[in-house]
Amino acid sequence: MGPTRFISGSAGFGYDPLFEIVEYHRTFGELGPAAKTCLSHRARAMHAILPLIEELIGSGEWGTRG
């Protein structure tokens, strides 16, 4: 993701129309909610942490501290 030269799109808020998602050839402001949900930093964080949570649950260590 990087800055574009032009403001494009009215979806979203803030700087969404300024940042291009290179793989989509669109700005964040041009993408719909479904695409934004998949591409967001929150979604990426959840995808990264879920295997770790599953591993903790599977190991029996989940909830044993504290």
PDB file of N, CA and C in Angstrom:
ATOM      1  N   MET A   1       0.859  -1.168   0.000  1.00  0.00           N
ATOM      2  CA  MET A   1       0.000   0.000   0.000  1.00  0.00           C
ATOM      3  C   MET A   1       0.902   1.228   0.000  1.00  0.00           C
ATOM      4  N   GLY A   2       0.568   2.222  -0.777  1.00  0.00           N
ATOM      5  CA  GLY A   2       1.367   3.426  -0.815  1.00  0.00           C
ATOM      6  C   GLY A   2       0.547   4.626  -1.203  1.00  0.00           C
ATOM      7  N   PRO A   3       1.119   5.811  -1.038  1.00  0.00           N
ATOM      8  CA  PRO A   3       0.371   7.019  -1.395  1.00  0.00           C
ATOM      9  C   PRO A   3       0.197   7.131  -2.905  1.00  0.00           C
ATOM     10  N   THR A   4      -0.907   7.682  -3.341  1.00  0.00           N
ATOM     11  CA  THR A   4      -1.143   7.904  -4.762  1.00  0.00           C
ATOM     12  C   THR A   4      -0.946   9.391  -5.050  1.00  0.00           C
ATOM     13  N   ARG A   5      -0.963   9.746  -6.289  1.00  0.00           N
ATOM     14  CA  ARG A   5      -0.829  11.155  -6.674  1.00  0.00           C
ATOM     15  C   ARG A   5      -2.153  11.890  -6.605  1.00  0.00           C
ATOM     16  N   PHE A   6      -3.253  11.152  -6.728  1.00  0.00           N
ATOM     17  CA  PHE A   6      -4.562  11.787  -6.822  1.00  0.00           C
ATOM     18  C   PHE A   6      -5.492  11.261  -5.743  1.00  0.00           C
ATOM     19  N   ILE A   7      -6.407  12.106  -5.310  1.00  0.00           N
ATOM     20  CA  ILE A   7      -7.452  11.689  -4.391  1.00  0.00           C
ATOM     21  C   ILE A   7      -8.523  11.001  -5.219  1.00  0.00           C
ATOM     22  N   SER A   8      -8.912   9.794  -4.821  1.00  0.00           N
ATOM     23  CA  SER A   8      -9.899   9.062  -5.602  1.00  0.00           C
ATOM     24  C   SER A   8     -10.749   8.205  -4.681  1.00  0.00           C
ATOM     25  N   GLY A   9     -12.052   8.344  -4.803  1.00  0.00           N
ATOM     26  CA  GLY A   9     -12.984   7.540  -4.029  1.00  0.00           C
ATOM     27  C   GLY A   9     -13.577   8.323  -2.874  1.00  0.00           C
ATOM     28  N   SER A  10     -14.823   8.007  -2.589  1.00  0.00           N
ATOM     29  CA  SER A  10     -15.499   8.700  -1.497  1.00  0.00           C
ATOM     30  C   SER A  10     -15.899   7.748  -0.380  1.00  0.00           C
ATOM     31  N   ALA A  11     -15.585   6.465  -0.530  1.00  0.00           N
ATOM     32  CA  ALA A  11     -15.900   5.497   0.519  1.00  0.00           C
ATOM     33  C   ALA A  11     -14.874   5.626   1.645  1.00  0.00           C
ATOM     34  N   GLY A  12     -15.336   5.442   2.850  1.00  0.00           N
ATOM     35  CA  GLY A  12     -14.424   5.501   3.979  1.00  0.00           C
ATOM     36  C   GLY A  12     -14.323   6.892   4.547  1.00  0.00           C
ATOM     37  N   PHE A  13     -13.223   7.145   5.208  1.00  0.00           N
ATOM     38  CA  PHE A  13     -13.037   8.427   5.865  1.00  0.00           C
ATOM     39  C   PHE A  13     -11.552   8.754   5.936  1.00  0.00           C
ATOM     40  N   GLY A  14     -11.262   9.922   6.390  1.00  0.00           N
ATOM     41  CA  GLY A  14      -9.868  10.316   6.597  1.00  0.00           C
ATOM     42  C   GLY A  14      -9.040  10.248   5.336  1.00  0.00           C
ATOM     43  N   TYR A  15      -7.983   9.469   5.403  1.00  0.00           N
ATOM     44  CA  TYR A  15      -7.025   9.380   4.302  1.00  0.00           C
ATOM     45  C   TYR A  15      -7.324   8.243   3.322  1.00  0.00           C
ATOM     46  N   ASP A  16      -8.445   7.537   3.474  1.00  0.00           N
ATOM     47  CA  ASP A  16      -8.764   6.399   2.593  1.00  0.00           C
ATOM     48  C   ASP A  16      -8.633   6.740   1.108  1.00  0.00           C
ATOM     49  N   PRO A  17      -9.114   7.904   0.630  1.00  0.00           N
ATOM     50  CA  PRO A  17      -8.994   8.208  -0.799  1.00  0.00           C
ATOM     51  C   PRO A  17      -7.561   8.500  -1.264  1.00  0.00           C
ATOM     52  N   LEU A  18      -6.619   8.599  -0.325  1.00  0.00           N
ATOM     53  CA  LEU A  18      -5.242   8.943  -0.689  1.00  0.00           C
ATOM     54  C   LEU A  18      -4.334   7.736  -0.860  1.00  0.00           C
ATOM     55  N   PHE A  19      -4.672   6.588  -0.280  1.00  0.00           N
ATOM     56  CA  PHE A  19      -3.757   5.451  -0.286  1.00  0.00           C
ATOM     57  C   PHE A  19      -4.216   4.362  -1.235  1.00  0.00           C
ATOM     58  N   GLU A  20      -3.322   4.031  -2.162  1.00  0.00           N
ATOM     59  CA  GLU A  20      -3.614   3.034  -3.177  1.00  0.00           C
ATOM     60  C   GLU A  20      -3.241   1.642  -2.677  1.00  0.00           C
ATOM     61  N   ILE A  21      -4.139   0.696  -2.921  1.00  0.00           N
ATOM     62  CA  ILE A  21      -3.841  -0.711  -2.708  1.00  0.00           C
ATOM     63  C   ILE A  21      -3.338  -1.197  -4.064  1.00  0.00           C
ATOM     64  N   VAL A  22      -2.043  -1.375  -4.174  1.00  0.00           N
ATOM     65  CA  VAL A  22      -1.392  -1.614  -5.465  1.00  0.00           C
ATOM     66  C   VAL A  22      -1.959  -2.853  -6.159  1.00  0.00           C
ATOM     67  N   GLU A  23      -2.198  -3.929  -5.391  1.00  0.00           N
ATOM     68  CA  GLU A  23      -2.702  -5.159  -5.981  1.00  0.00           C
ATOM     69  C   GLU A  23      -4.083  -4.979  -6.620  1.00  0.00           C
ATOM     70  N   TYR A  24      -4.857  -4.025  -6.132  1.00  0.00           N
ATOM     71  CA  TYR A  24      -6.212  -3.790  -6.626  1.00  0.00           C
ATOM     72  C   TYR A  24      -6.275  -2.623  -7.622  1.00  0.00           C
ATOM     73  N   HIS A  25      -5.202  -1.863  -7.731  1.00  0.00           N
ATOM     74  CA  HIS A  25      -5.166  -0.683  -8.598  1.00  0.00           C
ATOM     75  C   HIS A  25      -6.285   0.295  -8.243  1.00  0.00           C
ATOM     76  N   ARG A  26      -6.569   0.396  -6.957  1.00  0.00           N
ATOM     77  CA  ARG A  26      -7.607   1.293  -6.438  1.00  0.00           C
ATOM     78  C   ARG A  26      -7.135   1.879  -5.120  1.00  0.00           C
ATOM     79  N   THR A  27      -7.732   3.000  -4.768  1.00  0.00           N
ATOM     80  CA  THR A  27      -7.443   3.550  -3.441  1.00  0.00           C
ATOM     81  C   THR A  27      -8.361   2.876  -2.426  1.00  0.00           C
ATOM     82  N   PHE A  28      -8.008   3.013  -1.162  1.00  0.00           N
ATOM     83  CA  PHE A  28      -8.842   2.475  -0.096  1.00  0.00           C
ATOM     84  C   PHE A  28     -10.218   3.127  -0.138  1.00  0.00           C
ATOM     85  N   GLY A  29     -10.277   4.361  -0.589  1.00  0.00           N
ATOM     86  CA  GLY A  29     -11.536   5.079  -0.699  1.00  0.00           C
ATOM     87  C   GLY A  29     -12.434   4.582  -1.818  1.00  0.00           C
ATOM     88  N   GLU A  30     -11.888   3.805  -2.738  1.00  0.00           N
ATOM     89  CA  GLU A  30     -12.679   3.248  -3.838  1.00  0.00           C
ATOM     90  C   GLU A  30     -13.171   1.831  -3.541  1.00  0.00           C
ATOM     91  N   LEU A  31     -12.649   1.223  -2.504  1.00  0.00           N
ATOM     92  CA  LEU A  31     -13.010  -0.154  -2.179  1.00  0.00           C
ATOM     93  C   LEU A  31     -14.237  -0.213  -1.286  1.00  0.00           C
ATOM     94  N   GLY A  32     -14.970  -1.278  -1.403  1.00  0.00           N
ATOM     95  CA  GLY A  32     -16.147  -1.481  -0.566  1.00  0.00           C
ATOM     96  C   GLY A  32     -15.780  -2.062   0.788  1.00  0.00           C
ATOM     97  N   PRO A  33     -16.762  -2.168   1.660  1.00  0.00           N
ATOM     98  CA  PRO A  33     -16.517  -2.651   3.021  1.00  0.00           C
ATOM     99  C   PRO A  33     -15.954  -4.075   3.082  1.00  0.00           C
ATOM    100  N   ALA A  34     -16.389  -4.963   2.200  1.00  0.00           N
ATOM    101  CA  ALA A  34     -15.905  -6.346   2.238  1.00  0.00           C
ATOM    102  C   ALA A  34     -14.398  -6.405   1.959  1.00  0.00           C
ATOM    103  N   ALA A  35     -13.949  -5.679   0.947  1.00  0.00           N
ATOM    104  CA  ALA A  35     -12.517  -5.660   0.625  1.00  0.00           C
ATOM    105  C   ALA A  35     -11.717  -5.010   1.738  1.00  0.00           C
ATOM    106  N   LYS A  36     -12.239  -3.925   2.292  1.00  0.00           N
ATOM    107  CA  LYS A  36     -11.537  -3.235   3.375  1.00  0.00           C
ATOM    108  C   LYS A  36     -11.378  -4.134   4.593  1.00  0.00           C
ATOM    109  N   THR A  37     -12.417  -4.926   4.877  1.00  0.00           N
ATOM    110  CA  THR A  37     -12.353  -5.827   6.020  1.00  0.00           C
ATOM    111  C   THR A  37     -11.231  -6.840   5.841  1.00  0.00           C
ATOM    112  N   CYS A  38     -11.075  -7.361   4.639  1.00  0.00           N
ATOM    113  CA  CYS A  38     -10.026  -8.349   4.375  1.00  0.00           C
ATOM    114  C   CYS A  38      -8.635  -7.744   4.387  1.00  0.00           C
ATOM    115  N   LEU A  39      -8.524  -6.499   3.981  1.00  0.00           N
ATOM    116  CA  LEU A  39      -7.217  -5.857   3.840  1.00  0.00           C
ATOM    117  C   LEU A  39      -6.776  -5.061   5.060  1.00  0.00           C
ATOM    118  N   SER A  40      -7.646  -4.858   6.015  1.00  0.00           N
ATOM    119  CA  SER A  40      -7.328  -3.970   7.128  1.00  0.00           C
ATOM    120  C   SER A  40      -6.211  -4.525   8.003  1.00  0.00           C
ATOM    121  N   HIS A  41      -5.541  -3.652   8.720  1.00  0.00           N
ATOM    122  CA  HIS A  41      -4.491  -4.090   9.630  1.00  0.00           C
ATOM    123  C   HIS A  41      -5.076  -4.941  10.744  1.00  0.00           C
ATOM    124  N   ARG A  42      -6.306  -4.689  11.125  1.00  0.00           N
ATOM    125  CA  ARG A  42      -6.947  -5.505  12.160  1.00  0.00           C
ATOM    126  C   ARG A  42      -7.182  -6.930  11.654  1.00  0.00           C
ATOM    127  N   ALA A  43      -7.651  -7.051  10.419  1.00  0.00           N
ATOM    128  CA  ALA A  43      -7.871  -8.382   9.841  1.00  0.00           C
ATOM    129  C   ALA A  43      -6.558  -9.131   9.717  1.00  0.00           C
ATOM    130  N   ARG A  44      -5.519  -8.463   9.289  1.00  0.00           N
ATOM    131  CA  ARG A  44      -4.207  -9.117   9.166  1.00  0.00           C
ATOM    132  C   ARG A  44      -3.683  -9.557  10.523  1.00  0.00           C
ATOM    133  N   ALA A  45      -3.902  -8.750  11.550  1.00  0.00           N
ATOM    134  CA  ALA A  45      -3.476  -9.110  12.899  1.00  0.00           C
ATOM    135  C   ALA A  45      -4.233 -10.345  13.395  1.00  0.00           C
ATOM    136  N   MET A  46      -5.541 -10.392  13.137  1.00  0.00           N
ATOM    137  CA  MET A  46      -6.334 -11.545  13.564  1.00  0.00           C
ATOM    138  C   MET A  46      -5.890 -12.815  12.851  1.00  0.00           C
ATOM    139  N   HIS A  47      -5.610 -12.722  11.552  1.00  0.00           N
ATOM    140  CA  HIS A  47      -5.139 -13.883  10.802  1.00  0.00           C
ATOM    141  C   HIS A  47      -3.798 -14.363  11.341  1.00  0.00           C
ATOM    142  N   ALA A  48      -2.976 -13.442  11.804  1.00  0.00           N
ATOM    143  CA  ALA A  48      -1.658 -13.807  12.329  1.00  0.00           C
ATOM    144  C   ALA A  48      -1.749 -14.437  13.722  1.00  0.00           C
ATOM    145  N   ILE A  49      -2.669 -13.974  14.551  1.00  0.00           N
ATOM    146  CA  ILE A  49      -2.713 -14.455  15.932  1.00  0.00           C
ATOM    147  C   ILE A  49      -3.576 -15.702  16.118  1.00  0.00           C
ATOM    148  N   LEU A  50      -4.535 -15.954  15.250  1.00  0.00           N
ATOM    149  CA  LEU A  50      -5.420 -17.112  15.423  1.00  0.00           C
ATOM    150  C   LEU A  50      -4.676 -18.444  15.540  1.00  0.00           C
ATOM    151  N   PRO A  51      -3.667 -18.723  14.705  1.00  0.00           N
ATOM    152  CA  PRO A  51      -2.945 -19.990  14.879  1.00  0.00           C
ATOM    153  C   PRO A  51      -2.265 -20.094  16.255  1.00  0.00           C
ATOM    154  N   LEU A  52      -1.802 -18.977  16.783  1.00  0.00           N
ATOM    155  CA  LEU A  52      -1.166 -19.002  18.101  1.00  0.00           C
ATOM    156  C   LEU A  52      -2.181 -19.293  19.201  1.00  0.00           C
ATOM    157  N   ILE A  53      -3.362 -18.707  19.078  1.00  0.00           N
ATOM    158  CA  ILE A  53      -4.426 -18.969  20.052  1.00  0.00           C
ATOM    159  C   ILE A  53      -4.854 -20.437  19.973  1.00  0.00           C
ATOM    160  N   GLU A  54      -5.010 -20.951  18.762  1.00  0.00           N
ATOM    161  CA  GLU A  54      -5.380 -22.355  18.602  1.00  0.00           C
ATOM    162  C   GLU A  54      -4.322 -23.277  19.208  1.00  0.00           C
ATOM    163  N   GLU A  55      -3.061 -22.920  19.034  1.00  0.00           N
ATOM    164  CA  GLU A  55      -1.969 -23.715  19.616  1.00  0.00           C
ATOM    165  C   GLU A  55      -2.043 -23.698  21.145  1.00  0.00           C
ATOM    166  N   LEU A  56      -2.301 -22.541  21.729  1.00  0.00           N
ATOM    167  CA  LEU A  56      -2.435 -22.447  23.183  1.00  0.00           C
ATOM    168  C   LEU A  56      -3.603 -23.276  23.695  1.00  0.00           C
ATOM    169  N   ILE A  57      -4.723 -23.202  23.006  1.00  0.00           N
ATOM    170  CA  ILE A  57      -5.896 -23.974  23.410  1.00  0.00           C
ATOM    171  C   ILE A  57      -5.596 -25.470  23.307  1.00  0.00           C
ATOM    172  N   GLY A  58      -4.972 -25.855  22.219  1.00  0.00           N
ATOM    173  CA  GLY A  58      -4.639 -27.264  22.001  1.00  0.00           C
ATOM    174  C   GLY A  58      -3.628 -27.806  22.997  1.00  0.00           C
ATOM    175  N   SER A  59      -2.741 -26.952  23.479  1.00  0.00           N
ATOM    176  CA  SER A  59      -1.707 -27.400  24.417  1.00  0.00           C
ATOM    177  C   SER A  59      -2.222 -27.495  25.849  1.00  0.00           C
ATOM    178  N   GLY A  60      -3.409 -26.954  26.090  1.00  0.00           N
ATOM    179  CA  GLY A  60      -3.957 -26.977  27.443  1.00  0.00           C
ATOM    180  C   GLY A  60      -3.457 -25.856  28.320  1.00  0.00           C
ATOM    181  N   GLU A  61      -2.650 -24.953  27.783  1.00  0.00           N
ATOM    182  CA  GLU A  61      -2.107 -23.848  28.566  1.00  0.00           C
ATOM    183  C   GLU A  61      -3.048 -22.654  28.639  1.00  0.00           C
ATOM    184  N   TRP A  62      -4.069 -22.643  27.812  1.00  0.00           N
ATOM    185  CA  TRP A  62      -5.007 -21.513  27.770  1.00  0.00           C
ATOM    186  C   TRP A  62      -5.750 -21.438  29.101  1.00  0.00           C
ATOM    187  N   GLY A  63      -5.671 -20.301  29.762  1.00  0.00           N
ATOM    188  CA  GLY A  63      -6.399 -20.082  30.997  1.00  0.00           C
ATOM    189  C   GLY A  63      -5.763 -20.664  32.235  1.00  0.00           C
ATOM    190  N   THR A  64      -4.539 -21.206  32.133  1.00  0.00           N
ATOM    191  CA  THR A  64      -3.915 -21.803  33.317  1.00  0.00           C
ATOM    192  C   THR A  64      -3.120 -20.790  34.127  1.00  0.00           C
ATOM    193  N   ARG A  65      -2.902 -19.623  33.564  1.00  0.00           N
ATOM    194  CA  ARG A  65      -2.134 -18.591  34.287  1.00  0.00           C
ATOM    195  C   ARG A  65      -3.084 -17.620  34.945  1.00  0.00           C
ATOM    196  N   GLY A  66      -2.659 -17.101  36.043  1.00  0.00           N
ATOM    197  CA  GLY A  66      -3.358 -15.975  36.558  1.00  0.00           C
ATOM    198  C   GLY A  66      -4.173 -16.098  37.727  1.00  0.00           C
TER     199      GLY A  66
END
